[in-house]
């Protein structure tokens, strides 16, 4: 007697997904595991869809990172009341960007891609470029000035965040600390003079001090 056939499985189309769902799931993955663990295939699996379905919303991983940056900036970047003086406006706008990005641990892995620019952050970029221009820089020099400020800001965040993560994972003395503990005063007199304070000195938050010095240097070249 013939056995009844098993019901045929139909694949059909994967469930429709929204851009909000894509961004929300990607945000969770990078926050919990880091940017490197977030792939289009992993993201599709988490959502219960296919990588091809994701491409209706984003072209590639880089495009998705831009959306994540924009999402983060939209939720965290608040336009502050900026000083009237253009130099101080530059400093305040750059400091606002720094403070918002420094509060996001995974952001350092995204900042290495210099061309990933969030549209929500463009108002701050405008304030920096405009402030430098009002202080006497040409439009081209003002853009170069912004780039220098951005490199300083992003670099400061990346170094400090990476160092803090390393200290949290391993409380042993770092290679740098071991090297500074055995300096030759005859060869490196200045470094030997501050060797016992090097770790504490370099751990101090001097971002604003450095930012003001950088802005002053940029304006001195006009």
N, C-alpha and C. Protein backbone atom coordinates (compact mmCIF):
# COMPACT_ATOMS: atom_id res chain seq x y z
N UNK A 1 0.86 -1.19 0.00
CA UNK A 1 0.00 0.00 0.00
C UNK A 1 0.89 1.23 0.00
N UNK A 2 0.67 2.11 -0.95
CA UNK A 2 1.56 3.27 -1.05
C UNK A 2 1.44 4.16 0.18
N UNK A 3 2.60 4.65 0.62
CA UNK A 3 2.64 5.54 1.77
C UNK A 3 2.32 6.97 1.32
N UNK A 4 1.63 7.72 2.19
CA UNK A 4 1.34 9.12 1.81
C UNK A 4 2.63 9.91 1.73
N UNK A 5 2.72 10.71 0.72
CA UNK A 5 3.94 11.50 0.53
C UNK A 5 4.00 12.61 1.56
N UNK A 6 5.25 12.97 1.93
CA UNK A 6 5.45 14.06 2.89
C UNK A 6 5.05 15.37 2.25
N UNK A 7 4.52 16.27 3.03
CA UNK A 7 4.14 17.56 2.46
C UNK A 7 5.33 18.28 1.86
N UNK A 8 5.14 18.83 0.68
CA UNK A 8 6.22 19.53 0.00
C UNK A 8 6.55 20.83 0.72
N UNK A 9 7.87 21.06 0.93
CA UNK A 9 8.31 22.30 1.56
C UNK A 9 8.50 23.37 0.50
N UNK A 10 7.89 24.46 0.71
CA UNK A 10 8.04 25.56 -0.24
C UNK A 10 8.92 26.63 0.38
N UNK A 11 9.88 27.04 -0.42
CA UNK A 11 10.82 28.05 0.09
C UNK A 11 10.17 29.42 0.09
N UNK A 12 9.62 29.80 -1.04
CA UNK A 12 8.99 31.11 -1.12
C UNK A 12 9.99 32.24 -0.88
N UNK A 13 9.48 33.42 -0.71
CA UNK A 13 10.32 34.57 -0.44
C UNK A 13 10.61 34.68 1.05
N UNK A 14 11.83 35.14 1.41
CA UNK A 14 12.10 35.35 2.83
C UNK A 14 11.22 36.46 3.37
N UNK A 15 10.96 36.46 4.67
CA UNK A 15 10.12 37.51 5.23
C UNK A 15 10.70 38.89 4.96
N UNK A 16 9.81 39.84 4.69
CA UNK A 16 10.26 41.19 4.40
C UNK A 16 10.85 41.81 5.66
N UNK A 17 11.97 42.47 5.51
CA UNK A 17 12.64 43.10 6.64
C UNK A 17 12.69 44.60 6.42
N UNK A 18 12.75 45.34 7.52
CA UNK A 18 12.79 46.80 7.43
C UNK A 18 14.20 47.29 7.67
N UNK A 19 14.48 48.51 7.22
CA UNK A 19 15.78 49.11 7.46
C UNK A 19 16.02 49.29 8.96
N UNK A 20 14.98 49.63 9.70
CA UNK A 20 15.11 49.79 11.14
C UNK A 20 15.55 48.48 11.80
N UNK A 21 15.02 47.36 11.31
CA UNK A 21 15.40 46.06 11.85
C UNK A 21 16.85 45.74 11.52
N UNK A 22 17.27 46.08 10.32
CA UNK A 22 18.65 45.85 9.90
C UNK A 22 19.60 46.65 10.79
N UNK A 23 19.32 47.94 10.97
CA UNK A 23 20.19 48.79 11.77
C UNK A 23 20.20 48.35 13.23
N UNK A 24 19.03 48.05 13.77
CA UNK A 24 18.95 47.64 15.16
C UNK A 24 19.73 46.37 15.45
N UNK A 25 19.61 45.39 14.56
CA UNK A 25 20.33 44.13 14.74
C UNK A 25 21.83 44.33 14.58
N UNK A 26 22.23 45.11 13.58
CA UNK A 26 23.65 45.39 13.38
C UNK A 26 24.23 46.13 14.57
N UNK A 27 23.47 47.08 15.12
CA UNK A 27 23.92 47.84 16.29
C UNK A 27 24.19 46.89 17.46
N UNK A 28 23.30 45.92 17.66
CA UNK A 28 23.48 44.98 18.77
C UNK A 28 24.72 44.11 18.57
N UNK A 29 24.95 43.64 17.34
CA UNK A 29 26.10 42.78 17.07
C UNK A 29 27.40 43.52 17.34
N UNK A 30 27.54 44.73 16.80
CA UNK A 30 28.81 45.45 16.97
C UNK A 30 29.01 45.89 18.41
N UNK A 31 27.92 46.18 19.12
CA UNK A 31 28.05 46.60 20.51
C UNK A 31 28.49 45.44 21.39
N UNK A 32 28.02 44.24 21.09
CA UNK A 32 28.32 43.08 21.92
C UNK A 32 29.61 42.38 21.50
N UNK A 33 29.92 42.39 20.19
CA UNK A 33 31.03 41.56 19.71
C UNK A 33 32.05 42.31 18.87
N UNK A 34 31.78 43.53 18.49
CA UNK A 34 32.73 44.28 17.68
C UNK A 34 32.39 44.29 16.21
N UNK A 35 32.96 45.26 15.51
CA UNK A 35 32.65 45.44 14.09
C UNK A 35 33.10 44.25 13.25
N UNK A 36 34.23 43.65 13.60
CA UNK A 36 34.76 42.56 12.78
C UNK A 36 33.85 41.34 12.75
N UNK A 37 33.03 41.16 13.80
CA UNK A 37 32.14 40.01 13.84
C UNK A 37 30.83 40.25 13.11
N UNK A 38 30.65 41.47 12.67
CA UNK A 38 29.41 41.81 11.97
C UNK A 38 29.62 41.70 10.46
N UNK A 39 29.10 40.62 9.87
CA UNK A 39 29.16 40.42 8.43
C UNK A 39 27.74 40.42 7.90
N UNK A 40 27.62 40.57 6.61
CA UNK A 40 26.29 40.57 6.00
C UNK A 40 25.61 39.21 6.21
N UNK A 41 26.39 38.14 6.12
CA UNK A 41 25.82 36.81 6.31
C UNK A 41 25.37 36.62 7.76
N UNK A 42 26.20 37.08 8.70
CA UNK A 42 25.83 36.96 10.11
C UNK A 42 24.59 37.81 10.41
N UNK A 43 24.55 38.99 9.85
CA UNK A 43 23.41 39.87 10.06
C UNK A 43 22.13 39.25 9.52
N UNK A 44 22.21 38.66 8.33
CA UNK A 44 21.03 38.02 7.73
C UNK A 44 20.55 36.86 8.60
N UNK A 45 21.49 36.08 9.12
CA UNK A 45 21.13 34.95 9.98
C UNK A 45 20.41 35.43 11.23
N UNK A 46 20.93 36.49 11.84
CA UNK A 46 20.33 37.02 13.06
C UNK A 46 18.89 37.51 12.81
N UNK A 47 18.70 38.10 11.65
CA UNK A 47 17.37 38.63 11.32
C UNK A 47 16.42 37.53 10.87
N UNK A 48 17.00 36.41 10.38
CA UNK A 48 16.17 35.34 9.85
C UNK A 48 15.84 35.56 8.40
N UNK A 49 16.80 36.13 7.67
CA UNK A 49 16.57 36.42 6.26
C UNK A 49 17.78 35.92 5.47
N UNK A 50 18.03 36.51 4.32
CA UNK A 50 19.14 36.13 3.46
C UNK A 50 20.00 37.35 3.19
N UNK A 51 21.30 37.15 2.90
CA UNK A 51 22.14 38.29 2.55
C UNK A 51 21.59 39.09 1.37
N UNK A 52 21.00 38.40 0.40
CA UNK A 52 20.46 39.12 -0.76
C UNK A 52 19.34 40.07 -0.35
N UNK A 53 18.56 39.68 0.66
CA UNK A 53 17.48 40.56 1.12
C UNK A 53 18.02 41.83 1.74
N UNK A 54 19.20 41.71 2.37
CA UNK A 54 19.80 42.90 2.98
C UNK A 54 20.19 43.94 1.94
N UNK A 55 20.56 43.46 0.76
CA UNK A 55 21.04 44.37 -0.27
C UNK A 55 19.94 45.27 -0.84
N UNK A 56 18.71 45.03 -0.45
CA UNK A 56 17.64 45.96 -0.81
C UNK A 56 17.74 47.24 0.02
N UNK A 57 18.45 47.15 1.16
CA UNK A 57 18.58 48.30 2.05
C UNK A 57 19.99 48.88 2.06
N UNK A 58 21.01 48.00 1.97
CA UNK A 58 22.40 48.46 2.02
C UNK A 58 23.19 47.77 0.93
N UNK A 59 24.16 48.48 0.37
CA UNK A 59 24.93 47.92 -0.73
C UNK A 59 26.01 46.95 -0.25
N UNK A 60 26.60 47.24 0.91
CA UNK A 60 27.69 46.42 1.43
C UNK A 60 27.89 46.75 2.91
N UNK A 61 28.90 46.14 3.50
CA UNK A 61 29.15 46.36 4.92
C UNK A 61 29.54 47.81 5.19
N UNK A 62 30.32 48.41 4.31
CA UNK A 62 30.72 49.81 4.51
C UNK A 62 29.51 50.72 4.52
N UNK A 63 28.57 50.48 3.61
CA UNK A 63 27.34 51.26 3.57
C UNK A 63 26.57 51.09 4.88
N UNK A 64 26.57 49.88 5.41
CA UNK A 64 25.88 49.62 6.68
C UNK A 64 26.56 50.36 7.82
N UNK A 65 27.90 50.42 7.82
CA UNK A 65 28.61 51.13 8.88
C UNK A 65 28.29 52.62 8.85
N UNK A 66 28.14 53.16 7.65
CA UNK A 66 27.73 54.57 7.54
C UNK A 66 26.36 54.76 8.18
N UNK A 67 25.45 53.84 7.91
CA UNK A 67 24.11 53.93 8.50
C UNK A 67 24.17 53.81 10.02
N UNK A 68 25.06 52.94 10.52
CA UNK A 68 25.21 52.80 11.97
C UNK A 68 25.77 54.09 12.58
N UNK A 69 26.75 54.67 11.90
CA UNK A 69 27.29 55.94 12.38
C UNK A 69 26.21 57.01 12.41
N UNK A 70 25.43 57.07 11.35
CA UNK A 70 24.38 58.07 11.27
C UNK A 70 23.32 57.83 12.34
N UNK A 71 22.99 56.57 12.56
CA UNK A 71 22.02 56.23 13.60
C UNK A 71 22.54 56.64 14.97
N UNK A 72 23.81 56.33 15.23
CA UNK A 72 24.40 56.68 16.53
C UNK A 72 24.47 58.19 16.70
N UNK A 73 24.91 58.89 15.65
CA UNK A 73 25.02 60.34 15.74
C UNK A 73 23.65 60.98 15.94
N UNK A 74 22.63 60.46 15.26
CA UNK A 74 21.29 61.01 15.40
C UNK A 74 20.79 60.88 16.83
N UNK A 75 21.12 59.75 17.47
CA UNK A 75 20.62 59.51 18.82
C UNK A 75 21.46 60.19 19.90
N UNK A 76 22.72 60.53 19.61
CA UNK A 76 23.60 61.02 20.67
C UNK A 76 24.12 62.44 20.47
N UNK A 77 24.30 62.84 19.21
CA UNK A 77 24.87 64.16 18.97
C UNK A 77 23.79 65.23 19.15
N UNK A 78 23.99 66.09 20.10
CA UNK A 78 23.08 67.19 20.35
C UNK A 78 23.77 68.50 19.98
N UNK A 79 23.09 69.31 19.22
CA UNK A 79 23.69 70.58 18.79
C UNK A 79 23.73 71.54 19.98
N UNK A 80 24.93 71.80 20.49
CA UNK A 80 25.01 72.68 21.66
C UNK A 80 24.94 74.15 21.26
N UNK A 81 24.73 75.00 22.24
CA UNK A 81 24.84 76.43 22.02
C UNK A 81 26.32 76.76 21.88
N UNK A 82 26.72 77.19 20.70
CA UNK A 82 28.13 77.42 20.44
C UNK A 82 28.52 78.87 20.73
N UNK A 83 29.76 79.09 21.14
CA UNK A 83 30.22 80.46 21.40
C UNK A 83 30.17 81.31 20.13
N UNK A 84 30.06 82.60 20.33
CA UNK A 84 30.01 83.51 19.18
C UNK A 84 31.37 83.64 18.51
N UNK A 85 32.44 83.61 19.30
CA UNK A 85 33.78 83.76 18.72
C UNK A 85 34.11 82.55 17.87
N UNK A 86 34.55 82.74 16.63
CA UNK A 86 34.75 81.61 15.71
C UNK A 86 35.77 80.60 16.20
N UNK A 87 36.85 81.07 16.85
CA UNK A 87 37.86 80.12 17.35
C UNK A 87 37.25 79.21 18.40
N UNK A 88 36.52 79.80 19.33
CA UNK A 88 35.90 79.02 20.39
C UNK A 88 34.79 78.12 19.84
N UNK A 89 34.17 78.56 18.75
CA UNK A 89 33.14 77.74 18.12
C UNK A 89 33.76 76.47 17.53
N UNK A 90 34.93 76.61 16.95
CA UNK A 90 35.64 75.46 16.40
C UNK A 90 35.95 74.47 17.51
N UNK A 91 36.48 74.97 18.62
CA UNK A 91 36.85 74.10 19.74
C UNK A 91 35.63 73.40 20.31
N UNK A 92 34.55 74.14 20.50
CA UNK A 92 33.34 73.56 21.10
C UNK A 92 32.72 72.50 20.20
N UNK A 93 32.69 72.74 18.89
CA UNK A 93 32.11 71.77 17.96
C UNK A 93 32.93 70.49 17.91
N UNK A 94 34.26 70.64 17.87
CA UNK A 94 35.14 69.46 17.85
C UNK A 94 35.02 68.69 19.15
N UNK A 95 34.93 69.40 20.28
CA UNK A 95 34.81 68.73 21.58
C UNK A 95 33.50 67.97 21.68
N UNK A 96 32.43 68.50 21.10
CA UNK A 96 31.14 67.82 21.12
C UNK A 96 31.21 66.51 20.34
N UNK A 97 31.87 66.52 19.20
CA UNK A 97 32.05 65.30 18.41
C UNK A 97 32.86 64.29 19.22
N UNK A 98 33.95 64.76 19.81
CA UNK A 98 34.82 63.89 20.60
C UNK A 98 34.06 63.22 21.74
N UNK A 99 33.31 64.00 22.49
CA UNK A 99 32.62 63.45 23.65
C UNK A 99 31.57 62.41 23.26
N UNK A 100 30.87 62.67 22.15
CA UNK A 100 29.84 61.73 21.72
C UNK A 100 30.46 60.42 21.23
N UNK A 101 31.52 60.50 20.45
CA UNK A 101 32.12 59.30 19.89
C UNK A 101 32.90 58.51 20.94
N UNK A 102 33.52 59.22 21.88
CA UNK A 102 34.31 58.54 22.92
C UNK A 102 33.44 57.69 23.82
N UNK A 103 32.14 57.98 23.88
CA UNK A 103 31.22 57.22 24.73
C UNK A 103 30.76 55.93 24.08
N UNK A 104 31.18 55.67 22.85
CA UNK A 104 30.73 54.48 22.12
C UNK A 104 31.93 53.56 21.88
N UNK A 105 32.05 52.45 22.62
CA UNK A 105 33.25 51.61 22.54
C UNK A 105 33.57 51.09 21.14
N UNK A 106 32.54 50.71 20.36
CA UNK A 106 32.83 50.09 19.07
C UNK A 106 33.18 51.10 17.99
N UNK A 107 33.00 52.39 18.28
CA UNK A 107 33.19 53.40 17.25
C UNK A 107 34.63 53.46 16.76
N UNK A 108 35.58 53.07 17.60
CA UNK A 108 36.99 53.17 17.21
C UNK A 108 37.30 52.30 16.01
N UNK A 109 36.60 51.17 15.88
CA UNK A 109 36.85 50.27 14.75
C UNK A 109 36.28 50.82 13.45
N UNK A 110 35.41 51.80 13.55
CA UNK A 110 34.82 52.40 12.36
C UNK A 110 35.57 53.66 11.96
N UNK A 111 36.15 54.34 12.93
CA UNK A 111 36.79 55.62 12.66
C UNK A 111 38.02 55.50 11.77
N UNK A 112 38.58 54.30 11.64
CA UNK A 112 39.76 54.14 10.80
C UNK A 112 39.44 54.36 9.33
N UNK A 113 38.19 54.27 8.95
CA UNK A 113 37.78 54.55 7.57
C UNK A 113 37.44 56.03 7.47
N UNK A 114 38.39 56.82 6.99
CA UNK A 114 38.27 58.28 7.04
C UNK A 114 37.07 58.80 6.26
N UNK A 115 36.65 58.07 5.23
CA UNK A 115 35.58 58.59 4.37
C UNK A 115 34.19 58.21 4.87
N UNK A 116 34.09 57.52 6.02
CA UNK A 116 32.77 57.20 6.56
C UNK A 116 32.25 58.41 7.31
N UNK A 117 31.43 59.21 6.66
CA UNK A 117 30.94 60.46 7.23
C UNK A 117 29.44 60.38 7.47
N UNK A 118 29.04 60.59 8.71
CA UNK A 118 27.63 60.58 9.04
C UNK A 118 27.00 61.91 8.66
N UNK A 119 25.83 61.85 8.00
CA UNK A 119 25.15 63.09 7.63
C UNK A 119 24.70 63.86 8.87
N UNK A 120 24.44 63.16 9.97
CA UNK A 120 24.01 63.83 11.18
C UNK A 120 25.14 64.63 11.82
N UNK A 121 26.39 64.34 11.44
CA UNK A 121 27.53 65.06 12.01
C UNK A 121 27.95 66.24 11.14
N UNK A 122 27.34 66.40 9.98
CA UNK A 122 27.78 67.45 9.06
C UNK A 122 27.57 68.85 9.63
N UNK A 123 26.56 69.03 10.49
CA UNK A 123 26.37 70.35 11.11
C UNK A 123 27.59 70.74 11.92
N UNK A 124 28.18 69.77 12.61
CA UNK A 124 29.38 70.05 13.42
C UNK A 124 30.57 70.34 12.51
N UNK A 125 30.67 69.60 11.42
CA UNK A 125 31.74 69.86 10.46
C UNK A 125 31.61 71.27 9.89
N UNK A 126 30.37 71.67 9.58
CA UNK A 126 30.12 73.02 9.07
C UNK A 126 30.59 74.07 10.07
N UNK A 127 30.34 73.86 11.36
CA UNK A 127 30.75 74.83 12.36
C UNK A 127 32.27 74.95 12.43
N UNK A 128 32.96 73.84 12.29
CA UNK A 128 34.42 73.86 12.35
C UNK A 128 34.99 74.56 11.12
N UNK A 129 34.53 74.18 9.94
CA UNK A 129 35.05 74.79 8.70
C UNK A 129 34.70 76.27 8.65
N UNK A 130 33.46 76.61 9.02
CA UNK A 130 33.04 78.01 9.00
C UNK A 130 33.83 78.83 10.02
N UNK A 131 34.04 78.26 11.22
CA UNK A 131 34.80 78.99 12.23
C UNK A 131 36.22 79.26 11.79
N UNK A 132 36.86 78.28 11.18
CA UNK A 132 38.23 78.47 10.68
C UNK A 132 38.25 79.51 9.57
N UNK A 133 37.24 79.48 8.71
CA UNK A 133 37.17 80.47 7.63
C UNK A 133 36.96 81.87 8.18
N UNK A 134 36.11 82.01 9.20
CA UNK A 134 35.88 83.33 9.80
C UNK A 134 37.13 83.85 10.49
N UNK A 135 37.99 82.94 10.90
CA UNK A 135 39.25 83.36 11.54
C UNK A 135 40.32 83.73 10.51
N UNK A 136 40.01 83.59 9.24
CA UNK A 136 40.93 84.06 8.22
C UNK A 136 41.49 83.02 7.28
N UNK A 137 41.15 81.77 7.46
CA UNK A 137 41.65 80.74 6.54
C UNK A 137 40.82 80.75 5.27
N UNK A 138 41.46 80.43 4.16
CA UNK A 138 40.72 80.26 2.91
C UNK A 138 39.84 79.03 3.03
N UNK A 139 38.81 78.91 2.18
CA UNK A 139 37.96 77.71 2.24
C UNK A 139 38.76 76.41 2.14
N UNK A 140 39.75 76.38 1.25
CA UNK A 140 40.56 75.17 1.11
C UNK A 140 41.36 74.88 2.38
N UNK A 141 41.97 75.93 2.96
CA UNK A 141 42.74 75.75 4.18
C UNK A 141 41.84 75.39 5.35
N UNK A 142 40.63 75.89 5.33
CA UNK A 142 39.68 75.55 6.40
C UNK A 142 39.33 74.06 6.37
N UNK A 143 39.17 73.52 5.16
CA UNK A 143 38.91 72.08 5.03
C UNK A 143 40.12 71.28 5.50
N UNK A 144 41.32 71.73 5.13
CA UNK A 144 42.53 71.05 5.60
C UNK A 144 42.62 71.13 7.13
N UNK A 145 42.22 72.27 7.68
CA UNK A 145 42.23 72.43 9.13
C UNK A 145 41.25 71.47 9.79
N UNK A 146 40.07 71.35 9.22
CA UNK A 146 39.10 70.39 9.76
C UNK A 146 39.67 68.98 9.74
N UNK A 147 40.33 68.62 8.64
CA UNK A 147 40.89 67.27 8.52
C UNK A 147 41.92 67.02 9.63
N UNK A 148 42.77 68.02 9.90
CA UNK A 148 43.76 67.87 10.97
C UNK A 148 43.08 67.69 12.33
N UNK A 149 42.03 68.48 12.56
CA UNK A 149 41.29 68.36 13.83
C UNK A 149 40.63 67.00 13.93
N UNK A 150 40.04 66.52 12.83
CA UNK A 150 39.38 65.22 12.85
C UNK A 150 40.38 64.10 13.10
N UNK A 151 41.55 64.15 12.42
CA UNK A 151 42.55 63.11 12.64
C UNK A 151 43.01 63.10 14.10
N UNK A 152 43.21 64.27 14.67
CA UNK A 152 43.62 64.36 16.07
C UNK A 152 42.53 63.79 16.98
N UNK A 153 41.29 64.15 16.71
CA UNK A 153 40.17 63.70 17.54
C UNK A 153 39.97 62.19 17.43
N UNK A 154 39.92 61.68 16.20
CA UNK A 154 39.71 60.24 16.01
C UNK A 154 40.88 59.45 16.57
N UNK A 155 42.10 59.92 16.36
CA UNK A 155 43.28 59.22 16.87
C UNK A 155 43.30 59.17 18.38
N UNK A 156 42.93 60.28 19.02
CA UNK A 156 42.90 60.32 20.48
C UNK A 156 41.89 59.33 21.04
N UNK A 157 40.73 59.26 20.40
CA UNK A 157 39.70 58.31 20.85
C UNK A 157 40.17 56.88 20.66
N UNK A 158 40.74 56.56 19.52
CA UNK A 158 41.17 55.19 19.24
C UNK A 158 42.25 54.73 20.19
N UNK A 159 43.25 55.59 20.44
CA UNK A 159 44.35 55.19 21.32
C UNK A 159 43.85 54.97 22.74
N UNK A 160 43.04 55.91 23.24
CA UNK A 160 42.58 55.79 24.63
C UNK A 160 41.62 54.61 24.81
N UNK A 161 40.73 54.41 23.87
CA UNK A 161 39.78 53.31 23.99
C UNK A 161 40.49 51.97 23.91
N UNK A 162 41.43 51.83 22.98
CA UNK A 162 42.17 50.58 22.85
C UNK A 162 43.01 50.31 24.08
N UNK A 163 43.66 51.34 24.62
CA UNK A 163 44.48 51.17 25.82
C UNK A 163 43.62 50.76 27.02
N UNK A 164 42.45 51.39 27.15
CA UNK A 164 41.56 51.05 28.26
C UNK A 164 41.07 49.61 28.14
N UNK A 165 40.76 49.18 26.93
CA UNK A 165 40.30 47.81 26.72
C UNK A 165 41.41 46.82 27.04
N UNK A 166 42.65 47.15 26.66
CA UNK A 166 43.78 46.26 26.94
C UNK A 166 44.03 46.15 28.45
N UNK A 167 43.95 47.28 29.15
CA UNK A 167 44.15 47.25 30.61
C UNK A 167 43.05 46.45 31.29
N UNK A 168 41.84 46.53 30.77
CA UNK A 168 40.74 45.78 31.36
C UNK A 168 40.91 44.28 31.16
N UNK A 169 41.50 43.88 30.03
CA UNK A 169 41.68 42.47 29.72
C UNK A 169 42.91 41.87 30.39
N UNK A 170 43.91 42.72 30.70
CA UNK A 170 45.17 42.22 31.24
C UNK A 170 45.76 43.29 32.15
N UNK A 171 45.85 42.99 33.44
CA UNK A 171 46.34 43.99 34.39
C UNK A 171 47.85 43.93 34.58
N UNK A 172 48.54 43.11 33.78
CA UNK A 172 49.99 43.06 33.88
C UNK A 172 50.60 44.32 33.27
N UNK A 173 51.84 44.60 33.64
CA UNK A 173 52.53 45.77 33.11
C UNK A 173 52.64 45.66 31.59
N UNK A 174 52.40 46.75 30.91
CA UNK A 174 52.49 46.75 29.45
C UNK A 174 53.95 46.75 29.01
N UNK A 175 54.15 46.47 27.75
CA UNK A 175 55.51 46.49 27.20
C UNK A 175 56.14 47.87 27.39
N UNK A 176 55.34 48.92 27.15
CA UNK A 176 55.86 50.27 27.31
C UNK A 176 56.30 50.53 28.75
N UNK A 177 55.50 50.09 29.71
CA UNK A 177 55.85 50.30 31.12
C UNK A 177 57.12 49.55 31.49
N UNK A 178 57.31 48.37 30.95
CA UNK A 178 58.53 47.62 31.23
C UNK A 178 59.75 48.31 30.64
N UNK A 179 59.60 48.86 29.43
CA UNK A 179 60.71 49.56 28.79
C UNK A 179 61.09 50.81 29.59
N UNK A 180 60.10 51.59 30.02
CA UNK A 180 60.37 52.82 30.74
C UNK A 180 60.92 52.56 32.14
N UNK A 181 60.75 51.36 32.65
CA UNK A 181 61.28 51.04 33.97
C UNK A 181 62.78 50.82 33.94
N UNK A 182 63.37 50.71 32.76
CA UNK A 182 64.80 50.39 32.66
C UNK A 182 65.51 51.27 31.63
N UNK A 183 65.22 52.56 31.67
CA UNK A 183 65.85 53.49 30.72
C UNK A 183 67.26 53.86 31.18
N UNK A 184 68.11 54.12 30.20
CA UNK A 184 69.47 54.56 30.48
C UNK A 184 69.51 56.08 30.51
N UNK A 185 69.73 56.71 31.69
CA UNK A 185 69.75 58.18 31.77
C UNK A 185 70.83 58.82 30.91
N UNK A 186 71.90 58.08 30.66
CA UNK A 186 72.96 58.63 29.84
C UNK A 186 72.56 58.78 28.38
N UNK A 187 71.71 57.86 27.89
CA UNK A 187 71.29 57.89 26.49
C UNK A 187 69.99 58.67 26.30
N UNK A 188 69.07 58.55 27.26
CA UNK A 188 67.76 59.19 27.15
C UNK A 188 67.46 59.97 28.43
N UNK A 189 68.18 61.07 28.64
CA UNK A 189 68.07 61.78 29.92
C UNK A 189 66.68 62.36 30.20
N UNK A 190 66.05 62.93 29.19
CA UNK A 190 64.72 63.53 29.40
C UNK A 190 63.67 62.48 29.74
N UNK A 191 63.70 61.38 29.00
CA UNK A 191 62.73 60.33 29.26
C UNK A 191 62.97 59.67 30.61
N UNK A 192 64.23 59.49 30.96
CA UNK A 192 64.54 58.90 32.26
C UNK A 192 64.06 59.80 33.39
N UNK A 193 64.08 61.11 33.16
CA UNK A 193 63.66 62.06 34.18
C UNK A 193 62.19 61.89 34.55
N UNK A 194 61.36 61.50 33.59
CA UNK A 194 59.92 61.37 33.84
C UNK A 194 59.44 59.92 33.75
N UNK A 195 60.38 58.98 33.71
CA UNK A 195 60.02 57.58 33.48
C UNK A 195 59.05 57.06 34.53
N UNK A 196 59.25 57.43 35.79
CA UNK A 196 58.38 56.89 36.83
C UNK A 196 56.98 57.50 36.81
N UNK A 197 56.83 58.61 36.05
CA UNK A 197 55.53 59.26 35.95
C UNK A 197 54.94 59.15 34.54
N UNK A 198 55.62 58.45 33.67
CA UNK A 198 55.21 58.40 32.26
C UNK A 198 53.79 57.85 32.10
N UNK A 199 53.50 56.75 32.77
CA UNK A 199 52.18 56.12 32.62
C UNK A 199 51.07 57.05 33.09
N UNK A 200 51.26 57.69 34.25
CA UNK A 200 50.22 58.58 34.77
C UNK A 200 50.10 59.84 33.93
N UNK A 201 51.22 60.36 33.45
CA UNK A 201 51.18 61.57 32.63
C UNK A 201 50.47 61.32 31.31
N UNK A 202 50.77 60.21 30.67
CA UNK A 202 50.15 59.92 29.37
C UNK A 202 48.71 59.46 29.52
N UNK A 203 48.29 59.12 30.74
CA UNK A 203 46.89 58.73 30.97
C UNK A 203 46.00 59.94 31.23
N UNK A 204 46.59 61.11 31.46
CA UNK A 204 45.80 62.30 31.73
C UNK A 204 44.98 62.69 30.50
N UNK A 205 43.81 63.23 30.73
CA UNK A 205 42.94 63.68 29.65
C UNK A 205 43.35 65.10 29.25
N UNK A 206 44.12 65.21 28.20
CA UNK A 206 44.60 66.51 27.73
C UNK A 206 44.03 66.84 26.35
N UNK A 207 42.89 66.21 26.01
CA UNK A 207 42.34 66.42 24.67
C UNK A 207 42.07 67.90 24.39
N UNK A 208 41.37 68.58 25.29
CA UNK A 208 41.02 69.98 25.05
C UNK A 208 42.26 70.85 24.95
N UNK A 209 43.23 70.59 25.80
CA UNK A 209 44.48 71.36 25.75
C UNK A 209 45.16 71.19 24.40
N UNK A 210 45.23 69.94 23.94
CA UNK A 210 45.83 69.68 22.64
C UNK A 210 45.02 70.27 21.50
N UNK A 211 43.69 70.20 21.62
CA UNK A 211 42.81 70.75 20.58
C UNK A 211 43.02 72.26 20.44
N UNK A 212 43.08 72.96 21.56
CA UNK A 212 43.28 74.41 21.50
C UNK A 212 44.64 74.75 20.89
N UNK A 213 45.65 73.98 21.24
CA UNK A 213 46.97 74.22 20.67
C UNK A 213 46.97 73.96 19.17
N UNK A 214 46.26 72.93 18.74
CA UNK A 214 46.17 72.62 17.31
C UNK A 214 45.45 73.72 16.56
N UNK A 215 44.33 74.19 17.10
CA UNK A 215 43.58 75.26 16.44
C UNK A 215 44.44 76.52 16.36
N UNK A 216 45.13 76.86 17.44
CA UNK A 216 46.01 78.04 17.42
C UNK A 216 47.08 77.90 16.36
N UNK A 217 47.64 76.70 16.23
CA UNK A 217 48.65 76.48 15.21
C UNK A 217 48.11 76.61 13.80
N UNK A 218 46.91 76.10 13.58
CA UNK A 218 46.28 76.22 12.26
C UNK A 218 46.03 77.69 11.90
N UNK A 219 45.58 78.46 12.88
CA UNK A 219 45.26 79.86 12.61
C UNK A 219 46.51 80.71 12.47
N UNK A 220 47.61 80.25 13.05
CA UNK A 220 48.86 81.02 12.94
C UNK A 220 49.43 80.98 11.54
N UNK A 221 48.96 80.03 10.71
CA UNK A 221 49.49 79.89 9.35
C UNK A 221 48.70 80.70 8.33
N UNK A 222 47.68 81.42 8.78
CA UNK A 222 46.83 82.14 7.80
C UNK A 222 47.55 83.35 7.22
